Amino acid sequence: MTELDSFERKILRELQRDAGQTTAEIAEKVGLTPSPCWRRIDRLEREGFIRKRVALIDRRKLGLNAHVLAQVKLNAHGRANLDEFSEAIRACPEVLEAYVLMGQMDFMLRIVAKDIDAYERFFFDRLSKLPGVQEINSTVALSEIKSTTELPL
């Protein structure tokens, strides 16, 4: 793995806070001139430290008020075909994140929906019908205490 120097860590910190900044703005904040700053950003992108730059959108402004964490357990046949379930879950736009777990449950999903009724429809019409699903435990998040995409650098 490539070691990052202090400038590269500062650049990543700035990009995590606001990826819309110009290279000149970032360079000024991290103590570089624009050209070497641009070269470092380019290298960080080429080497995969920066996967992509995105806009973070407030789900509530779009009317996605239900935030649900669902733990999914697959049956024995389903566990043998994790790829099939994984592929099916990737096709669900309501599922923002999906993790394979160790322990009693096989997956943890972070799901958004317009409201609880919309989640219920998603649950019964799609999620519970995915290949190999044996059990789903859903937990509704009442409020958001912390939400960040910034990694500790």
C-alpha atoms as a PDB file:
ATOM      1  CA  MET A   1       0.000   0.000   0.000  1.00  0.00           C
ATOM      2  CA  THR A   2       1.204   3.478  -0.845  1.00  0.00           C
ATOM      3  CA  GLU A   3       2.061   5.659   2.122  1.00  0.00           C
ATOM      4  CA  LEU A   4       0.410   9.053   2.186  1.00  0.00           C
ATOM      5  CA  ASP A   5       2.361  12.128   3.167  1.00  0.00           C
ATOM      6  CA  SER A   6       0.924  14.967   5.249  1.00  0.00           C
ATOM      7  CA  PHE A   7      -0.061  16.993   2.149  1.00  0.00           C
ATOM      8  CA  GLU A   8      -1.989  14.064   0.681  1.00  0.00           C
ATOM      9  CA  ARG A   9      -3.797  13.491   3.961  1.00  0.00           C
ATOM     10  CA  LYS A  10      -4.731  17.173   4.076  1.00  0.00           C
ATOM     11  CA  ILE A  11      -5.917  17.018   0.462  1.00  0.00           C
ATOM     12  CA  LEU A  12      -8.109  13.995   1.223  1.00  0.00           C
ATOM     13  CA  ARG A  13      -9.483  15.728   4.320  1.00  0.00           C
ATOM     14  CA  GLU A  14     -10.429  18.769   2.227  1.00  0.00           C
ATOM     15  CA  LEU A  15     -12.009  16.681  -0.522  1.00  0.00           C
ATOM     16  CA  GLN A  16     -14.080  14.768   2.057  1.00  0.00           C
ATOM     17  CA  ARG A  17     -15.375  18.052   3.434  1.00  0.00           C
ATOM     18  CA  ASP A  18     -16.143  19.582   0.021  1.00  0.00           C
ATOM     19  CA  ALA A  19     -15.231  17.872  -3.241  1.00  0.00           C
ATOM     20  CA  GLY A  20     -16.534  20.894  -5.156  1.00  0.00           C
ATOM     21  CA  GLN A  21     -13.523  22.996  -4.228  1.00  0.00           C
ATOM     22  CA  THR A  22     -11.182  24.007  -7.015  1.00  0.00           C
ATOM     23  CA  THR A  23      -7.647  22.678  -7.029  1.00  0.00           C
ATOM     24  CA  ALA A  24      -6.440  26.226  -6.297  1.00  0.00           C
ATOM     25  CA  GLU A  25      -8.675  26.439  -3.204  1.00  0.00           C
ATOM     26  CA  ILE A  26      -7.456  23.078  -1.933  1.00  0.00           C
ATOM     27  CA  ALA A  27      -3.833  23.961  -2.682  1.00  0.00           C
ATOM     28  CA  GLU A  28      -4.114  27.152  -0.637  1.00  0.00           C
ATOM     29  CA  LYS A  29      -5.648  25.332   2.318  1.00  0.00           C
ATOM     30  CA  VAL A  30      -3.022  22.568   2.370  1.00  0.00           C
ATOM     31  CA  GLY A  31       0.009  24.761   1.705  1.00  0.00           C
ATOM     32  CA  LEU A  32       0.855  23.819  -1.910  1.00  0.00           C
ATOM     33  CA  THR A  33       0.749  25.568  -5.245  1.00  0.00           C
ATOM     34  CA  PRO A  34      -1.968  24.418  -7.664  1.00  0.00           C
ATOM     35  CA  SER A  35       0.223  22.308  -9.991  1.00  0.00           C
ATOM     36  CA  PRO A  36       1.706  19.945  -7.378  1.00  0.00           C
ATOM     37  CA  CYS A  37      -1.683  19.810  -5.657  1.00  0.00           C
ATOM     38  CA  TRP A  38      -3.359  18.775  -8.937  1.00  0.00           C
ATOM     39  CA  ARG A  39      -0.697  16.089  -9.531  1.00  0.00           C
ATOM     40  CA  ARG A  40      -1.288  14.661  -6.050  1.00  0.00           C
ATOM     41  CA  ILE A  41      -5.068  14.632  -6.532  1.00  0.00           C
ATOM     42  CA  ASP A  42      -4.612  12.947  -9.919  1.00  0.00           C
ATOM     43  CA  ARG A  43      -2.372  10.268  -8.366  1.00  0.00           C
ATOM     44  CA  LEU A  44      -4.825   9.724  -5.486  1.00  0.00           C
ATOM     45  CA  GLU A  45      -7.584   9.158  -8.043  1.00  0.00           C
ATOM     46  CA  ARG A  46      -5.507   6.853 -10.256  1.00  0.00           C
ATOM     47  CA  GLU A  47      -4.432   4.760  -7.262  1.00  0.00           C
ATOM     48  CA  GLY A  48      -8.004   4.429  -5.992  1.00  0.00           C
ATOM     49  CA  PHE A  49      -7.744   6.481  -2.795  1.00  0.00           C
ATOM     50  CA  ILE A  50     -10.461   8.675  -4.296  1.00  0.00           C
ATOM     51  CA  ARG A  51     -13.115   6.347  -5.696  1.00  0.00           C
ATOM     52  CA  LYS A  52     -15.439   9.082  -6.967  1.00  0.00           C
ATOM     53  CA  ARG A  53     -16.706  12.545  -6.178  1.00  0.00           C
ATOM     54  CA  VAL A  54     -20.399  12.894  -5.383  1.00  0.00           C
ATOM     55  CA  ALA A  55     -23.019  15.274  -4.032  1.00  0.00           C
ATOM     56  CA  LEU A  56     -24.545  14.280  -0.694  1.00  0.00           C
ATOM     57  CA  ILE A  57     -28.298  14.768  -0.911  1.00  0.00           C
ATOM     58  CA  ASP A  58     -30.639  15.183   2.055  1.00  0.00           C
ATOM     59  CA  ARG A  59     -33.021  12.207   1.822  1.00  0.00           C
ATOM     60  CA  ARG A  60     -35.731  14.081   3.750  1.00  0.00           C
ATOM     61  CA  LYS A  61     -35.822  16.871   1.142  1.00  0.00           C
ATOM     62  CA  LEU A  62     -36.735  14.148  -1.366  1.00  0.00           C
ATOM     63  CA  GLY A  63     -39.465  12.787   0.897  1.00  0.00           C
ATOM     64  CA  LEU A  64     -37.525   9.683   1.960  1.00  0.00           C
ATOM     65  CA  ASN A  65     -38.482   9.924   5.626  1.00  0.00           C
ATOM     66  CA  ALA A  66     -38.231   6.276   6.669  1.00  0.00           C
ATOM     67  CA  HIS A  67     -34.738   5.052   7.501  1.00  0.00           C
ATOM     68  CA  VAL A  68     -34.579   1.334   8.262  1.00  0.00           C
ATOM     69  CA  LEU A  69     -31.787  -1.027   9.266  1.00  0.00           C
ATOM     70  CA  ALA A  70     -32.619  -4.589   8.296  1.00  0.00           C
ATOM     71  CA  GLN A  71     -30.744  -7.730   9.245  1.00  0.00           C
ATOM     72  CA  VAL A  72     -31.266 -10.595   6.820  1.00  0.00           C
ATOM     73  CA  LYS A  73     -30.680 -14.270   7.477  1.00  0.00           C
ATOM     74  CA  LEU A  74     -30.490 -16.616   4.520  1.00  0.00           C
ATOM     75  CA  ASN A  75     -31.541 -20.254   4.589  1.00  0.00           C
ATOM     76  CA  ALA A  76     -28.854 -22.932   4.128  1.00  0.00           C
ATOM     77  CA  HIS A  77     -29.447 -23.004   0.377  1.00  0.00           C
ATOM     78  CA  GLY A  78     -29.279 -19.210   0.254  1.00  0.00           C
ATOM     79  CA  ARG A  79     -25.954 -19.086   2.128  1.00  0.00           C
ATOM     80  CA  ALA A  80     -24.480 -21.326  -0.521  1.00  0.00           C
ATOM     81  CA  ASN A  81     -25.496 -18.701  -3.081  1.00  0.00           C
ATOM     82  CA  LEU A  82     -24.488 -15.414  -1.418  1.00  0.00           C
ATOM     83  CA  ASP A  83     -23.675 -14.006  -4.848  1.00  0.00           C
ATOM     84  CA  GLU A  84     -27.261 -14.449  -6.023  1.00  0.00           C
ATOM     85  CA  PHE A  85     -28.656 -12.548  -3.031  1.00  0.00           C
ATOM     86  CA  SER A  86     -25.913  -9.918  -3.301  1.00  0.00           C
ATOM     87  CA  GLU A  87     -26.687  -9.296  -6.963  1.00  0.00           C
ATOM     88  CA  ALA A  88     -30.408  -9.027  -6.248  1.00  0.00           C
ATOM     89  CA  ILE A  89     -29.860  -6.541  -3.402  1.00  0.00           C
ATOM     90  CA  ARG A  90     -27.639  -4.356  -5.622  1.00  0.00           C
ATOM     91  CA  ALA A  91     -30.628  -3.908  -7.934  1.00  0.00           C
ATOM     92  CA  CYS A  92     -32.783  -2.395  -5.157  1.00  0.00           C
ATOM     93  CA  PRO A  93     -32.442   1.415  -5.187  1.00  0.00           C
ATOM     94  CA  GLU A  94     -34.000   1.600  -1.707  1.00  0.00           C
ATOM     95  CA  VAL A  95     -30.976  -0.238  -0.289  1.00  0.00           C
ATOM     96  CA  LEU A  96     -28.214   2.319   0.233  1.00  0.00           C
ATOM     97  CA  GLU A  97     -25.710  -0.001   1.906  1.00  0.00           C
ATOM     98  CA  ALA A  98     -25.380  -3.756   2.303  1.00  0.00           C
ATOM     99  CA  TYR A  99     -22.835  -5.639   4.385  1.00  0.00           C
ATOM    100  CA  VAL A 100     -22.090  -9.340   4.772  1.00  0.00           C
ATOM    101  CA  LEU A 101     -21.970 -10.186   8.486  1.00  0.00           C
ATOM    102  CA  MET A 102     -20.360 -12.792  10.692  1.00  0.00           C
ATOM    103  CA  GLY A 103     -22.699 -14.138  13.328  1.00  0.00           C
ATOM    104  CA  GLN A 104     -26.337 -15.133  13.453  1.00  0.00           C
ATOM    105  CA  MET A 105     -27.439 -12.875  10.598  1.00  0.00           C
ATOM    106  CA  ASP A 106     -25.923 -12.838   7.114  1.00  0.00           C
ATOM    107  CA  PHE A 107     -26.517  -9.261   5.909  1.00  0.00           C
ATOM    108  CA  MET A 108     -27.090  -5.770   7.311  1.00  0.00           C
ATOM    109  CA  LEU A 109     -28.954  -3.396   5.005  1.00  0.00           C
ATOM    110  CA  ARG A 110     -29.499   0.344   5.273  1.00  0.00           C
ATOM    111  CA  ILE A 111     -32.748   1.172   3.526  1.00  0.00           C
ATOM    112  CA  VAL A 112     -34.693   4.371   2.830  1.00  0.00           C
ATOM    113  CA  ALA A 113     -38.322   4.733   1.835  1.00  0.00           C
ATOM    114  CA  LYS A 114     -40.939   7.462   1.603  1.00  0.00           C
ATOM    115  CA  ASP A 115     -42.601   6.288   4.809  1.00  0.00           C
ATOM    116  CA  ILE A 116     -43.271   3.136   6.818  1.00  0.00           C
ATOM    117  CA  ASP A 117     -46.062   2.110   4.448  1.00  0.00           C
ATOM    118  CA  ALA A 118     -43.643   2.309   1.515  1.00  0.00           C
ATOM    119  CA  TYR A 119     -41.090   0.267   3.470  1.00  0.00           C
ATOM    120  CA  GLU A 120     -43.779  -2.310   4.243  1.00  0.00           C
ATOM    121  CA  ARG A 121     -44.546  -2.633   0.509  1.00  0.00           C
ATOM    122  CA  PHE A 122     -40.820  -2.964  -0.264  1.00  0.00           C
ATOM    123  CA  PHE A 123     -40.479  -5.536   2.526  1.00  0.00           C
ATOM    124  CA  PHE A 124     -43.355  -7.754   1.356  1.00  0.00           C
ATOM    125  CA  ASP A 125     -43.137  -7.210  -2.417  1.00  0.00           C
ATOM    126  CA  ARG A 126     -39.363  -7.348  -2.904  1.00  0.00           C
ATOM    127  CA  LEU A 127     -37.066  -7.894   0.074  1.00  0.00           C
ATOM    128  CA  SER A 128     -38.796 -10.938   1.529  1.00  0.00           C
ATOM    129  CA  LYS A 129     -38.977 -12.510  -1.942  1.00  0.00           C
ATOM    130  CA  LEU A 130     -35.243 -12.286  -2.681  1.00  0.00           C
ATOM    131  CA  PRO A 131     -33.454 -15.616  -3.208  1.00  0.00           C
ATOM    132  CA  GLY A 132     -32.682 -17.582  -0.059  1.00  0.00           C
ATOM    133  CA  VAL A 133     -34.257 -15.196   2.481  1.00  0.00           C
ATOM    134  CA  GLN A 134     -35.240 -17.003   5.671  1.00  0.00           C
ATOM    135  CA  GLU A 135     -35.648 -14.160   8.173  1.00  0.00           C
ATOM    136  CA  ILE A 136     -35.599 -10.342   8.214  1.00  0.00           C
ATOM    137  CA  ASN A 137     -35.356  -8.221  11.352  1.00  0.00           C
ATOM    138  CA  SER A 138     -36.144  -4.566  10.654  1.00  0.00           C
ATOM    139  CA  THR A 139     -35.344  -1.672  12.959  1.00  0.00           C
ATOM    140  CA  VAL A 140     -36.684   1.804  12.229  1.00  0.00           C
ATOM    141  CA  ALA A 141     -34.306   4.656  12.997  1.00  0.00           C
ATOM    142  CA  LEU A 142     -36.188   7.376  14.879  1.00  0.00           C
ATOM    143  CA  SER A 143     -33.591  10.123  14.582  1.00  0.00           C
ATOM    144  CA  GLU A 144     -30.135  10.615  13.158  1.00  0.00           C
ATOM    145  CA  ILE A 145     -27.449  11.426  15.723  1.00  0.00           C
ATOM    146  CA  LYS A 146     -24.451  11.313  13.406  1.00  0.00           C
ATOM    147  CA  SER A 147     -24.100  10.804   9.677  1.00  0.00           C
ATOM    148  CA  THR A 148     -20.822  11.365   7.916  1.00  0.00           C
ATOM    149  CA  THR A 149     -18.846  10.079   4.998  1.00  0.00           C
ATOM    150  CA  GLU A 150     -15.591  11.549   6.322  1.00  0.00           C
ATOM    151  CA  LEU A 151     -12.974   8.960   7.227  1.00  0.00           C
ATOM    152  CA  PRO A 152     -10.621   9.758  10.121  1.00  0.00           C
ATOM    153  CA  LEU A 153      -7.345  10.858   8.599  1.00  0.00           C
END
